[in-house]
Amino acid sequence: MFTQTLVERKFTAMDIVVLAVVFMIFYIVLKLSMGMDIPFSLDTDISISLSPEMLPYYAGRSLLRMFIALGFSFLFTFIYGYIAARSKWAGKIMIPLLDILQSIPVLGFLSATIVAFMTIFPNTLLGVECASIFAIFTGQAWNMTFSFYHSLTTLPKDLEEASQMLHFNKWQKFTKLELPVSMIGLIWNAMMSFGGGWFFLAASEAISVLGKDIHLPGIGSYLAVAAASGNIRAMVYAMLTMLIMILLVDQVFWRPLVVWGQRFKLESSKGNEQPTSFVYNLLYRSFIVFWIYRKIFMPIGRFINKKIVKTSDRIENSLDIYKKIKVSAFFQAIIKIFILAAFLYEIYIPVKDAVYMLYEMGFDQLWHVFNLGLLTAARVFMAILLGAIWTIPAGVKIGMQPKLSQKIQPLVQAASSFPANMLFPFITMLFIQYGINFQYGSIVLMMLGTQWYILFNVIAGAASIPNDLVEAAAVLGIKGWKKWRVLILPAIFPYLVTGFITASGGAWNASIISEIVKWKQIVLTASGIGAYISMATTLGDWSKILLGIIVMCIMVVVINRFIWHRLYYIAQTKYHVD
């Protein structure tokens, strides 16, 4: 992390400022977190004040939820992505399951998750807080996990061979090879996922459950209350506060991470242009930060790493001994049958009820929903295609020019983070005014929230192109379309596939709110499975909700299996840096 010695740094007045800021952050987090665990029941009325003076407090509560969800998202990413990438049989189940998870409209089940968390944490607001954090988590984790999984499956072969020659155990390989190689893509996708979390934050802070409106203190609730009361000034305050939060988080958190992540770029020579961050430079030059790192974190980290390395060695040795034990084929078959029987026993009753419910709906209803799914699938592909047309050239331009990235990144971050559903009423108004066919117009709404997945992945891919290859292309006079064909497109292809998959999942999810919109008394509806599920949710028709989600999940899995995974295979076998 740092290369200078302690002696070369001097204690300055800036260190006092850094120390004061660190203590202030700890104090604010402590104060905000105390408000998450207060007595609460469905009879409790949490009032949201529209006074601008309350906005800093609400912004802090929202940010705390976002960062807690981000922490859990990283934990989930490392565990789920690693197991899926390193175990073939587990990957065959976990990756299709991840496809389904990212496509399931979680907001439709938010009421159920709140009831579940309130049961776990009775008589306290912590249950509702956990449900809100869970909803934000679902907006962040899937994209990050796909990025990490993709990085692990496309590791450079020469580095893998080097790790084998050095006899790295699994933990050493993870910390010294797999995590560093995946870092750039993970940072950019985490940034994108954090932006996606704002959408779920706005929707999960102000909710209705069991006929009761609950408003968690936060910027999303503030905006919902302002919109419900028609207070335009308060709505503007909320949007400005959100923009300030997005830009602040970008400069203080994400920008330093982007600069720090550049050290993991696979290249033997650095380019002339490198991204910079004043926060990173401040921390890098700080005596007190360096002292804390060297005297506290580094010894603790070494101690923990040493213990984990020893534990990892013992586990691997035990596994080697276990592998040498020959278990009879009959005994193995008995174990598999037992596990299968236990699994079938657990799912028998819910599956039987679901099948009976679907049987009562009839074949005509199934065929109707299947056709609606095809219409939504066509819109999903159109949204991805239209998004790719501008995001690929723009992402390459930003990713390959660090100075431009430094200027554009905050704008891109702000644009991608702003909840797209807040723009829907204005765009709907334009559709009505100019008589645009909503069967096609809904594609635009779908694209608003999904194009950023492609853009951020393309930026990550372009930023990861080794400078050696860029210099070699310049020396050989390769430019224009030929440069795109032999260097840029092959280099960004694995990242592009990840962007397509996550954008596809986001588009299926977004179909719930983009195929049916309302402006005053006018309702625009596009034929599709998203509108079908949305209308069924409004009516509380659980059989139609279940049918719609099952058909949607089946179509997502089939498309991923026959299109996206084939592209993944090409990315793993043909287009990655060795």
Foldseek 3Di string as FASTA:
>chain_A
DADDDLVVADADVLLVVVVVVVVVVVVLLVVLVVQQWDFDDLPDADDDDLDLVCAVSQASNLVSLLVVLLVVLVVCLVVLLVCLQPPPVSVVVSVLVLLLLLQPQVLLCLLVQLVVLCVVVPRTNNSLSVSLSVLLNSLQRSLLNLLLNLQSLQFPPVVVVVCVVVVAFPLRCVVPGSCLSSQLLNLLSNLLSSLSSLQSNLSSQWDAYPNGTHHHRHLSSQCVVCVVVVPVVSNVSSLVSLLVSLLVCCQQPSQLSNQVSLVSFPADDDDPDGADHPNNVSLNSHSVNVCCCVPPVVVVVVVVSVVVSVVSVVVVVVVVVVVPDDDDPVVVVVVVVVVVVVVCVVCVVVVVVLVVLLVVVDPVVLVLQLVQAVLLLVLLVVLQVVLCVPLQVVLLVLLQHNVNVNVCVSVLSSQQNDNLVVCVQVLVVVCVVVVPQLLNVLSVSLNSNQSSLQNSLSSSQNNSQYVVVVVVCVVVVNDDVRCCVPGRCLSSLSSNLSSSSSSSSSSSNCLLDSQWDDHDPDIHHHRHLSVQLNVCSVVVPVSSVVSSSVSNSVVSSVCCVPPSVVSSVCSNPPRYDD
